[in-house]
């Protein structure tokens, strides 16, 4: 079994499904949303990752693959409620789309996918972390604040000089 960045794989996975590309795809999808500055809130990101990992890594018992749980699909649809483009990210759009998944007790539903690359745990929930864009946000932010301060001082200085000139 490979080490995954997002998918929290528990149990035995079918031999043909032991491929890290699904995990990489989930990581890239969430990262793309983040880079567009339209990240899903943490519960949605969590369910998106849980669903995609469940579809990509179905568990098995012996040689029998366990289908994806309908609950995984329903949680994704209900919690995300359209905040992730279903066409772009190949996810169900409604509860009706979830009918093709299994609602029995013996199905695949990974929970607790690792979304810590984008969210940090705080008081019973998560807070979003914007990773810095290429080139680093810190340097750009410091420079931007510095320029704003210089411009404000220049404007205030000019205003003071003009008032002094008028009072003569």
N, C-alpha and C. Protein backbone atom coordinates (compact mmCIF):
# COMPACT_ATOMS: atom_id res chain seq x y z
N UNK A 1 0.85 -1.18 0.00
CA UNK A 1 0.00 0.00 0.00
C UNK A 1 0.89 1.24 0.00
N UNK A 2 0.51 2.20 -0.78
CA UNK A 2 1.25 3.46 -0.90
C UNK A 2 0.89 4.40 0.25
N UNK A 3 1.77 5.38 0.49
CA UNK A 3 1.45 6.43 1.45
C UNK A 3 0.66 7.50 0.69
N UNK A 4 -0.53 7.82 1.19
CA UNK A 4 -1.38 8.79 0.52
C UNK A 4 -1.38 10.11 1.28
N UNK A 5 -1.57 11.21 0.54
CA UNK A 5 -1.61 12.53 1.16
C UNK A 5 -2.99 12.88 1.68
N UNK A 6 -4.05 12.37 1.05
CA UNK A 6 -5.42 12.74 1.41
C UNK A 6 -6.22 11.53 1.88
N UNK A 7 -6.26 10.51 1.07
CA UNK A 7 -7.12 9.34 1.34
C UNK A 7 -6.62 8.56 2.55
N UNK A 8 -7.51 8.36 3.49
CA UNK A 8 -7.20 7.61 4.71
C UNK A 8 -7.72 6.19 4.50
N UNK A 9 -6.91 5.37 3.87
CA UNK A 9 -7.33 4.03 3.48
C UNK A 9 -7.27 3.09 4.67
N UNK A 10 -8.41 2.46 4.94
CA UNK A 10 -8.47 1.45 5.99
C UNK A 10 -9.02 0.18 5.37
N UNK A 11 -8.52 -0.93 5.78
CA UNK A 11 -8.99 -2.20 5.21
C UNK A 11 -8.21 -2.58 3.97
N UNK A 12 -8.59 -3.68 3.38
CA UNK A 12 -7.93 -4.20 2.20
C UNK A 12 -8.55 -3.58 0.96
N UNK A 13 -7.69 -3.09 0.06
CA UNK A 13 -8.13 -2.48 -1.18
C UNK A 13 -7.85 -3.45 -2.32
N UNK A 14 -8.75 -3.52 -3.29
CA UNK A 14 -8.55 -4.39 -4.44
C UNK A 14 -7.22 -4.13 -5.12
N UNK A 15 -6.56 -5.18 -5.57
CA UNK A 15 -5.23 -5.09 -6.17
C UNK A 15 -5.16 -4.07 -7.30
N UNK A 16 -6.18 -4.04 -8.15
CA UNK A 16 -6.16 -3.11 -9.28
C UNK A 16 -6.44 -1.68 -8.86
N UNK A 17 -6.84 -1.47 -7.61
CA UNK A 17 -7.14 -0.12 -7.12
C UNK A 17 -6.02 0.45 -6.26
N UNK A 18 -4.93 -0.28 -6.12
CA UNK A 18 -3.82 0.16 -5.28
C UNK A 18 -2.91 1.11 -6.07
N UNK A 19 -3.47 2.24 -6.47
CA UNK A 19 -2.79 3.18 -7.34
C UNK A 19 -2.87 4.58 -6.72
N UNK A 20 -1.74 5.21 -6.50
CA UNK A 20 -1.75 6.53 -5.85
C UNK A 20 -2.32 7.65 -6.71
N UNK A 21 -2.64 7.40 -7.98
CA UNK A 21 -3.11 8.49 -8.84
C UNK A 21 -4.47 9.04 -8.41
N UNK A 22 -5.33 8.22 -7.81
CA UNK A 22 -6.62 8.73 -7.33
C UNK A 22 -6.38 9.72 -6.20
N UNK A 23 -5.53 9.36 -5.25
CA UNK A 23 -5.20 10.25 -4.15
C UNK A 23 -4.60 11.55 -4.70
N UNK A 24 -3.72 11.43 -5.68
CA UNK A 24 -3.12 12.62 -6.31
C UNK A 24 -4.17 13.48 -6.98
N UNK A 25 -5.17 12.85 -7.58
CA UNK A 25 -6.25 13.58 -8.23
C UNK A 25 -7.10 14.34 -7.22
N UNK A 26 -7.40 13.70 -6.08
CA UNK A 26 -8.17 14.37 -5.02
C UNK A 26 -7.37 15.57 -4.51
N UNK A 27 -6.09 15.37 -4.26
CA UNK A 27 -5.20 16.45 -3.79
C UNK A 27 -5.21 17.59 -4.81
N UNK A 28 -5.02 17.26 -6.08
CA UNK A 28 -4.98 18.29 -7.13
C UNK A 28 -6.30 19.04 -7.25
N UNK A 29 -7.42 18.32 -7.10
CA UNK A 29 -8.73 18.96 -7.21
C UNK A 29 -8.95 19.99 -6.11
N UNK A 30 -8.66 19.62 -4.88
CA UNK A 30 -8.82 20.57 -3.77
C UNK A 30 -7.83 21.72 -3.95
N UNK A 31 -6.62 21.40 -4.37
CA UNK A 31 -5.61 22.44 -4.57
C UNK A 31 -6.04 23.42 -5.67
N UNK A 32 -6.67 22.91 -6.73
CA UNK A 32 -7.14 23.79 -7.81
C UNK A 32 -8.20 24.76 -7.29
N UNK A 33 -9.11 24.28 -6.46
CA UNK A 33 -10.12 25.15 -5.88
C UNK A 33 -9.48 26.22 -5.01
N UNK A 34 -8.48 25.82 -4.26
CA UNK A 34 -7.77 26.76 -3.38
C UNK A 34 -7.04 27.82 -4.21
N UNK A 35 -6.36 27.40 -5.26
CA UNK A 35 -5.61 28.35 -6.09
C UNK A 35 -6.53 29.33 -6.79
N UNK A 36 -7.78 28.92 -7.05
CA UNK A 36 -8.77 29.81 -7.65
C UNK A 36 -9.40 30.73 -6.61
N UNK A 37 -9.00 30.54 -5.36
CA UNK A 37 -9.53 31.32 -4.24
C UNK A 37 -11.03 31.09 -4.03
N UNK A 38 -11.51 29.90 -4.43
CA UNK A 38 -12.90 29.53 -4.16
C UNK A 38 -12.93 28.17 -3.46
N UNK A 39 -12.25 28.09 -2.33
CA UNK A 39 -12.20 26.79 -1.67
C UNK A 39 -13.56 26.42 -1.06
N UNK A 40 -13.83 25.14 -1.02
CA UNK A 40 -15.04 24.72 -0.30
C UNK A 40 -14.79 24.86 1.20
N UNK A 41 -15.84 25.07 1.98
CA UNK A 41 -15.63 25.11 3.41
C UNK A 41 -15.22 23.71 3.87
N UNK A 42 -14.69 23.60 5.07
CA UNK A 42 -14.01 22.37 5.47
C UNK A 42 -14.88 21.13 5.43
N UNK A 43 -16.16 21.23 5.83
CA UNK A 43 -17.02 20.04 5.80
C UNK A 43 -17.20 19.54 4.37
N UNK A 44 -17.33 20.45 3.44
CA UNK A 44 -17.49 20.09 2.04
C UNK A 44 -16.19 19.48 1.51
N UNK A 45 -15.06 20.08 1.82
CA UNK A 45 -13.77 19.54 1.39
C UNK A 45 -13.58 18.13 1.95
N UNK A 46 -13.98 17.95 3.20
CA UNK A 46 -13.85 16.64 3.85
C UNK A 46 -14.72 15.60 3.13
N UNK A 47 -15.98 15.92 2.86
CA UNK A 47 -16.88 14.98 2.20
C UNK A 47 -16.48 14.74 0.74
N UNK A 48 -15.97 15.78 0.08
CA UNK A 48 -15.48 15.63 -1.29
C UNK A 48 -14.34 14.60 -1.29
N UNK A 49 -13.39 14.78 -0.40
CA UNK A 49 -12.25 13.86 -0.31
C UNK A 49 -12.72 12.46 0.08
N UNK A 50 -13.61 12.36 1.07
CA UNK A 50 -14.11 11.05 1.50
C UNK A 50 -14.79 10.31 0.35
N UNK A 51 -15.63 11.02 -0.41
CA UNK A 51 -16.36 10.40 -1.52
C UNK A 51 -15.39 9.95 -2.61
N UNK A 52 -14.50 10.86 -3.04
CA UNK A 52 -13.58 10.52 -4.12
C UNK A 52 -12.64 9.37 -3.72
N UNK A 53 -12.22 9.34 -2.47
CA UNK A 53 -11.36 8.25 -2.00
C UNK A 53 -12.15 6.94 -1.95
N UNK A 54 -13.41 6.99 -1.55
CA UNK A 54 -14.25 5.79 -1.49
C UNK A 54 -14.47 5.21 -2.88
N UNK A 55 -14.70 6.09 -3.86
CA UNK A 55 -14.89 5.64 -5.24
C UNK A 55 -13.58 5.07 -5.80
N UNK A 56 -12.50 5.75 -5.51
CA UNK A 56 -11.21 5.36 -6.09
C UNK A 56 -10.54 4.15 -5.44
N UNK A 57 -10.87 3.90 -4.17
CA UNK A 57 -10.24 2.80 -3.44
C UNK A 57 -11.28 1.93 -2.74
N UNK A 58 -12.12 1.23 -3.50
CA UNK A 58 -13.11 0.38 -2.85
C UNK A 58 -12.45 -0.74 -2.04
N UNK A 59 -12.97 -0.98 -0.86
CA UNK A 59 -12.43 -2.07 -0.04
C UNK A 59 -12.93 -3.40 -0.59
N UNK A 60 -12.29 -4.44 -0.18
CA UNK A 60 -12.71 -5.76 -0.63
C UNK A 60 -12.62 -6.76 0.51
N UNK A 61 -13.36 -7.80 0.33
CA UNK A 61 -13.32 -8.93 1.25
C UNK A 61 -13.00 -10.14 0.40
N UNK A 62 -11.78 -10.64 0.55
CA UNK A 62 -11.34 -11.69 -0.36
C UNK A 62 -11.20 -11.08 -1.75
N UNK A 63 -11.89 -11.63 -2.73
CA UNK A 63 -11.84 -11.08 -4.08
C UNK A 63 -13.09 -10.26 -4.41
N UNK A 64 -13.95 -10.07 -3.42
CA UNK A 64 -15.21 -9.35 -3.62
C UNK A 64 -15.06 -7.87 -3.25
N UNK A 65 -15.22 -6.98 -4.24
CA UNK A 65 -15.16 -5.54 -3.99
C UNK A 65 -16.45 -5.08 -3.31
N UNK A 66 -16.30 -4.19 -2.34
CA UNK A 66 -17.47 -3.62 -1.68
C UNK A 66 -17.84 -2.33 -2.41
N UNK A 67 -19.10 -2.14 -2.79
CA UNK A 67 -19.50 -0.93 -3.51
C UNK A 67 -19.42 0.31 -2.61
N UNK A 68 -19.43 1.46 -3.24
CA UNK A 68 -19.41 2.73 -2.51
C UNK A 68 -20.75 2.91 -1.80
N UNK A 69 -20.69 3.38 -0.57
CA UNK A 69 -21.90 3.60 0.23
C UNK A 69 -22.68 4.81 -0.29
N UNK A 70 -23.98 4.66 -0.33
CA UNK A 70 -24.87 5.75 -0.72
C UNK A 70 -24.72 6.93 0.25
N UNK A 71 -24.45 6.63 1.52
CA UNK A 71 -24.29 7.70 2.53
C UNK A 71 -23.15 8.64 2.17
N UNK A 72 -22.07 8.11 1.59
CA UNK A 72 -20.95 8.95 1.18
C UNK A 72 -21.39 9.95 0.12
N UNK A 73 -22.15 9.46 -0.84
CA UNK A 73 -22.66 10.31 -1.92
C UNK A 73 -23.64 11.35 -1.37
N UNK A 74 -24.58 10.91 -0.54
CA UNK A 74 -25.58 11.83 0.01
C UNK A 74 -24.94 12.92 0.87
N UNK A 75 -23.96 12.54 1.66
CA UNK A 75 -23.27 13.55 2.48
C UNK A 75 -22.58 14.59 1.61
N UNK A 76 -21.95 14.14 0.54
CA UNK A 76 -21.29 15.07 -0.38
C UNK A 76 -22.31 16.03 -0.99
N UNK A 77 -23.39 15.49 -1.52
CA UNK A 77 -24.43 16.31 -2.16
C UNK A 77 -25.04 17.30 -1.17
N UNK A 78 -25.41 16.81 0.02
CA UNK A 78 -26.10 17.66 1.00
C UNK A 78 -25.18 18.69 1.63
N UNK A 79 -23.96 18.32 1.94
CA UNK A 79 -23.06 19.26 2.61
C UNK A 79 -22.48 20.28 1.64
N UNK A 80 -22.08 19.84 0.46
CA UNK A 80 -21.48 20.79 -0.50
C UNK A 80 -22.54 21.65 -1.18
N UNK A 81 -23.72 21.11 -1.40
CA UNK A 81 -24.84 21.88 -1.92
C UNK A 81 -24.46 22.80 -3.08
N UNK A 82 -23.74 22.26 -4.07
CA UNK A 82 -23.40 23.03 -5.27
C UNK A 82 -22.18 23.90 -5.17
N UNK A 83 -21.44 23.86 -4.06
CA UNK A 83 -20.28 24.75 -3.94
C UNK A 83 -19.07 24.26 -4.74
N UNK A 84 -19.12 23.03 -5.22
CA UNK A 84 -18.08 22.50 -6.11
C UNK A 84 -18.75 22.14 -7.43
N UNK A 85 -18.18 22.58 -8.53
CA UNK A 85 -18.75 22.31 -9.84
C UNK A 85 -18.76 20.80 -10.11
N UNK A 86 -19.96 20.20 -10.20
CA UNK A 86 -20.04 18.74 -10.35
C UNK A 86 -19.50 18.24 -11.68
N UNK A 87 -19.62 19.04 -12.73
CA UNK A 87 -19.13 18.62 -14.04
C UNK A 87 -17.61 18.62 -14.07
N UNK A 88 -17.01 19.67 -13.58
CA UNK A 88 -15.56 19.78 -13.57
C UNK A 88 -14.92 18.70 -12.72
N UNK A 89 -15.53 18.42 -11.57
CA UNK A 89 -14.90 17.50 -10.62
C UNK A 89 -15.56 16.11 -10.57
N UNK A 90 -16.47 15.84 -11.52
CA UNK A 90 -17.08 14.53 -11.67
C UNK A 90 -17.68 14.00 -10.36
N UNK A 91 -18.60 14.79 -9.82
CA UNK A 91 -19.29 14.39 -8.59
C UNK A 91 -20.80 14.47 -8.81
N UNK A 92 -21.57 13.75 -8.01
CA UNK A 92 -23.04 13.79 -8.17
C UNK A 92 -23.60 15.18 -7.88
N UNK A 93 -24.74 15.48 -8.54
CA UNK A 93 -25.35 16.80 -8.37
C UNK A 93 -26.57 16.78 -7.47
N UNK A 94 -27.19 15.60 -7.30
CA UNK A 94 -28.40 15.55 -6.49
C UNK A 94 -28.50 14.20 -5.78
N UNK A 95 -29.42 14.14 -4.83
CA UNK A 95 -29.63 12.89 -4.09
C UNK A 95 -30.05 11.76 -5.05
N UNK A 96 -30.73 12.10 -6.12
CA UNK A 96 -31.15 11.11 -7.11
C UNK A 96 -29.93 10.44 -7.75
N UNK A 97 -28.86 11.21 -7.94
CA UNK A 97 -27.62 10.66 -8.51
C UNK A 97 -26.98 9.62 -7.58
N UNK A 98 -27.36 9.64 -6.33
CA UNK A 98 -26.77 8.73 -5.34
C UNK A 98 -27.46 7.37 -5.31
N UNK A 99 -28.58 7.24 -6.03
CA UNK A 99 -29.31 5.98 -6.02
C UNK A 99 -28.50 4.81 -6.55
N UNK A 100 -27.50 5.07 -7.36
CA UNK A 100 -26.69 3.98 -7.92
C UNK A 100 -25.70 3.39 -6.91
N UNK A 101 -25.55 4.06 -5.76
CA UNK A 101 -24.63 3.58 -4.74
C UNK A 101 -25.36 2.71 -3.72
N UNK A 102 -24.61 1.93 -2.97
CA UNK A 102 -25.16 0.91 -2.06
C UNK A 102 -25.59 1.53 -0.73
N UNK A 103 -26.75 1.14 -0.24
CA UNK A 103 -27.17 1.62 1.07
C UNK A 103 -27.18 0.51 2.12
N UNK A 104 -26.49 -0.57 1.80
CA UNK A 104 -26.36 -1.68 2.76
C UNK A 104 -25.24 -1.44 3.76
N UNK A 105 -25.12 -2.33 4.72
CA UNK A 105 -24.11 -2.15 5.77
C UNK A 105 -22.69 -2.52 5.33
N UNK A 106 -22.55 -3.23 4.21
CA UNK A 106 -21.24 -3.71 3.80
C UNK A 106 -20.78 -3.00 2.53
N UNK A 107 -20.45 -1.72 2.69
CA UNK A 107 -20.03 -0.93 1.54
C UNK A 107 -18.82 -0.08 1.93
N UNK A 108 -18.24 0.60 0.96
CA UNK A 108 -17.04 1.41 1.18
C UNK A 108 -17.40 2.87 1.44
N UNK A 109 -16.98 3.37 2.59
CA UNK A 109 -17.16 4.79 2.91
C UNK A 109 -16.00 5.19 3.81
N UNK A 110 -14.95 5.75 3.19
CA UNK A 110 -13.82 6.24 3.97
C UNK A 110 -14.20 7.56 4.60
N UNK A 111 -13.87 7.70 5.85
CA UNK A 111 -14.12 8.96 6.55
C UNK A 111 -12.80 9.44 7.14
N UNK A 112 -12.70 10.70 7.35
CA UNK A 112 -11.49 11.24 7.95
C UNK A 112 -10.35 11.43 6.98
N UNK A 113 -10.66 11.72 5.72
CA UNK A 113 -9.60 12.02 4.76
C UNK A 113 -8.79 13.20 5.28
N UNK A 114 -7.52 13.21 4.97
CA UNK A 114 -6.61 14.22 5.51
C UNK A 114 -6.66 15.50 4.68
N UNK A 115 -7.31 16.52 5.21
CA UNK A 115 -7.40 17.80 4.51
C UNK A 115 -6.53 18.86 5.20
N UNK A 116 -5.56 18.40 5.99
CA UNK A 116 -4.73 19.32 6.77
C UNK A 116 -3.80 20.18 5.91
N UNK A 117 -3.64 19.85 4.63
CA UNK A 117 -2.83 20.71 3.76
C UNK A 117 -3.53 22.04 3.51
N UNK A 118 -4.85 22.08 3.70
CA UNK A 118 -5.63 23.30 3.43
C UNK A 118 -6.37 23.83 4.65
N UNK A 119 -6.60 22.97 5.64
CA UNK A 119 -7.39 23.36 6.80
C UNK A 119 -6.66 22.94 8.07
N UNK A 120 -6.80 23.72 9.11
CA UNK A 120 -6.21 23.38 10.39
C UNK A 120 -7.31 23.25 11.44
N UNK A 121 -7.17 22.29 12.32
CA UNK A 121 -8.20 22.04 13.33
C UNK A 121 -8.25 23.17 14.35
N UNK A 122 -9.45 23.67 14.62
CA UNK A 122 -9.67 24.68 15.66
C UNK A 122 -11.01 24.44 16.32
N UNK A 123 -11.04 24.36 17.61
CA UNK A 123 -12.28 24.27 18.41
C UNK A 123 -13.45 23.55 17.73
N UNK A 124 -13.32 22.26 17.48
CA UNK A 124 -14.42 21.47 16.96
C UNK A 124 -14.69 21.66 15.48
N UNK A 125 -13.86 22.38 14.79
CA UNK A 125 -14.02 22.59 13.35
C UNK A 125 -12.66 22.77 12.71
N UNK A 126 -12.65 23.44 11.60
CA UNK A 126 -11.40 23.69 10.89
C UNK A 126 -11.38 25.12 10.40
N UNK A 127 -10.19 25.67 10.29
CA UNK A 127 -10.00 26.99 9.72
C UNK A 127 -9.20 26.82 8.44
N UNK A 128 -9.52 27.61 7.43
CA UNK A 128 -8.86 27.50 6.14
C UNK A 128 -7.48 28.13 6.18
N UNK A 129 -6.54 27.47 5.53
CA UNK A 129 -5.17 27.99 5.40
C UNK A 129 -4.94 28.24 3.92
N UNK A 130 -4.68 29.47 3.53
CA UNK A 130 -4.31 29.72 2.14
C UNK A 130 -2.83 29.45 1.99
N UNK A 131 -2.46 28.45 1.18
CA UNK A 131 -1.04 28.27 0.94
C UNK A 131 -0.55 29.44 0.08
N UNK A 132 0.67 29.88 0.28
CA UNK A 132 1.15 31.02 -0.50
C UNK A 132 1.25 30.67 -1.99
N UNK A 133 0.87 31.59 -2.86
CA UNK A 133 1.02 31.32 -4.28
C UNK A 133 2.50 31.30 -4.65
N UNK A 134 2.83 30.77 -5.83
CA UNK A 134 4.23 30.78 -6.25
C UNK A 134 4.80 32.18 -6.18
N UNK A 135 5.99 32.33 -5.64
CA UNK A 135 6.60 33.63 -5.47
C UNK A 135 6.47 34.14 -4.04
N UNK A 136 5.59 33.53 -3.28
CA UNK A 136 5.46 33.87 -1.86
C UNK A 136 4.58 35.07 -1.62
N UNK A 137 3.59 34.90 -0.81
CA UNK A 137 2.69 35.99 -0.47
C UNK A 137 3.32 36.93 0.54
N UNK A 138 4.20 36.44 1.38
CA UNK A 138 4.77 37.27 2.45
C UNK A 138 5.54 38.45 1.89
N UNK A 139 6.41 38.22 0.91
CA UNK A 139 7.19 39.32 0.35
C UNK A 139 6.30 40.33 -0.34
N UNK A 140 5.33 39.88 -1.09
CA UNK A 140 4.41 40.78 -1.78
C UNK A 140 3.57 41.58 -0.81
N UNK A 141 3.14 40.95 0.27
CA UNK A 141 2.32 41.63 1.26
C UNK A 141 3.12 42.71 1.97
N UNK A 142 4.33 42.41 2.37
CA UNK A 142 5.18 43.39 3.05
C UNK A 142 5.45 44.57 2.13
N UNK A 143 5.79 44.30 0.89
CA UNK A 143 6.05 45.37 -0.07
C UNK A 143 4.79 46.22 -0.29
N UNK A 144 3.64 45.57 -0.43
CA UNK A 144 2.38 46.28 -0.64
C UNK A 144 2.04 47.20 0.52
N UNK A 145 2.18 46.70 1.74
CA UNK A 145 1.89 47.51 2.93
C UNK A 145 2.87 48.67 3.01
N UNK A 146 4.13 48.42 2.71
CA UNK A 146 5.15 49.47 2.74
C UNK A 146 4.80 50.58 1.75
N UNK A 147 4.41 50.21 0.55
CA UNK A 147 4.05 51.21 -0.46
C UNK A 147 2.81 52.01 -0.04
N UNK A 148 1.84 51.37 0.53
CA UNK A 148 0.64 52.07 0.99
C UNK A 148 0.99 53.08 2.08
N UNK A 149 1.84 52.68 3.00
CA UNK A 149 2.26 53.59 4.08
C UNK A 149 3.00 54.79 3.49
N UNK A 150 3.90 54.57 2.55
CA UNK A 150 4.65 55.66 1.91
C UNK A 150 3.69 56.62 1.21
N UNK A 151 2.74 56.09 0.48
CA UNK A 151 1.77 56.94 -0.24
C UNK A 151 0.93 57.74 0.74
N UNK A 152 0.49 57.09 1.82
CA UNK A 152 -0.32 57.80 2.82
C UNK A 152 0.49 58.92 3.46
N UNK A 153 1.74 58.66 3.80
CA UNK A 153 2.59 59.70 4.39
C UNK A 153 2.80 60.85 3.41
N UNK A 154 2.98 60.53 2.14
CA UNK A 154 3.17 61.58 1.14
C UNK A 154 1.92 62.45 1.02
N UNK A 155 0.74 61.81 1.00
CA UNK A 155 -0.51 62.57 0.89
C UNK A 155 -0.71 63.44 2.13
N UNK A 156 -0.47 62.86 3.31
CA UNK A 156 -0.61 63.65 4.53
C UNK A 156 0.38 64.81 4.57
N UNK A 157 1.59 64.54 4.13
CA UNK A 157 2.62 65.59 4.09
C UNK A 157 2.24 66.71 3.16
N UNK A 158 1.72 66.38 1.98
CA UNK A 158 1.29 67.40 1.02
C UNK A 158 0.12 68.20 1.58
N UNK A 159 -0.79 67.50 2.24
CA UNK A 159 -1.94 68.19 2.84
C UNK A 159 -1.48 69.18 3.90
N UNK A 160 -0.52 68.78 4.71
CA UNK A 160 0.01 69.65 5.75
C UNK A 160 0.69 70.87 5.14
N UNK A 161 1.50 70.66 4.10
CA UNK A 161 2.20 71.77 3.44
C UNK A 161 1.21 72.75 2.80
N UNK A 162 0.15 72.19 2.20
CA UNK A 162 -0.84 73.06 1.53
C UNK A 162 -1.59 73.90 2.59
N UNK A 163 -1.91 73.28 3.74
CA UNK A 163 -2.59 74.03 4.78
C UNK A 163 -1.69 75.12 5.34
N UNK A 164 -0.41 74.81 5.49
CA UNK A 164 0.55 75.78 6.00
C UNK A 164 0.68 76.95 5.02
N UNK A 165 0.67 76.64 3.73
CA UNK A 165 0.79 77.65 2.68
C UNK A 165 -0.42 78.58 2.69
N UNK A 166 -1.63 78.02 2.93
CA UNK A 166 -2.85 78.81 2.93
C UNK A 166 -2.93 79.74 4.15
N UNK A 167 -2.34 79.33 5.26
CA UNK A 167 -2.43 80.13 6.49
C UNK A 167 -1.50 81.32 6.44
N UNK A 168 -0.64 81.46 5.49
CA UNK A 168 0.30 82.60 5.41
C UNK A 168 -0.36 83.79 4.88
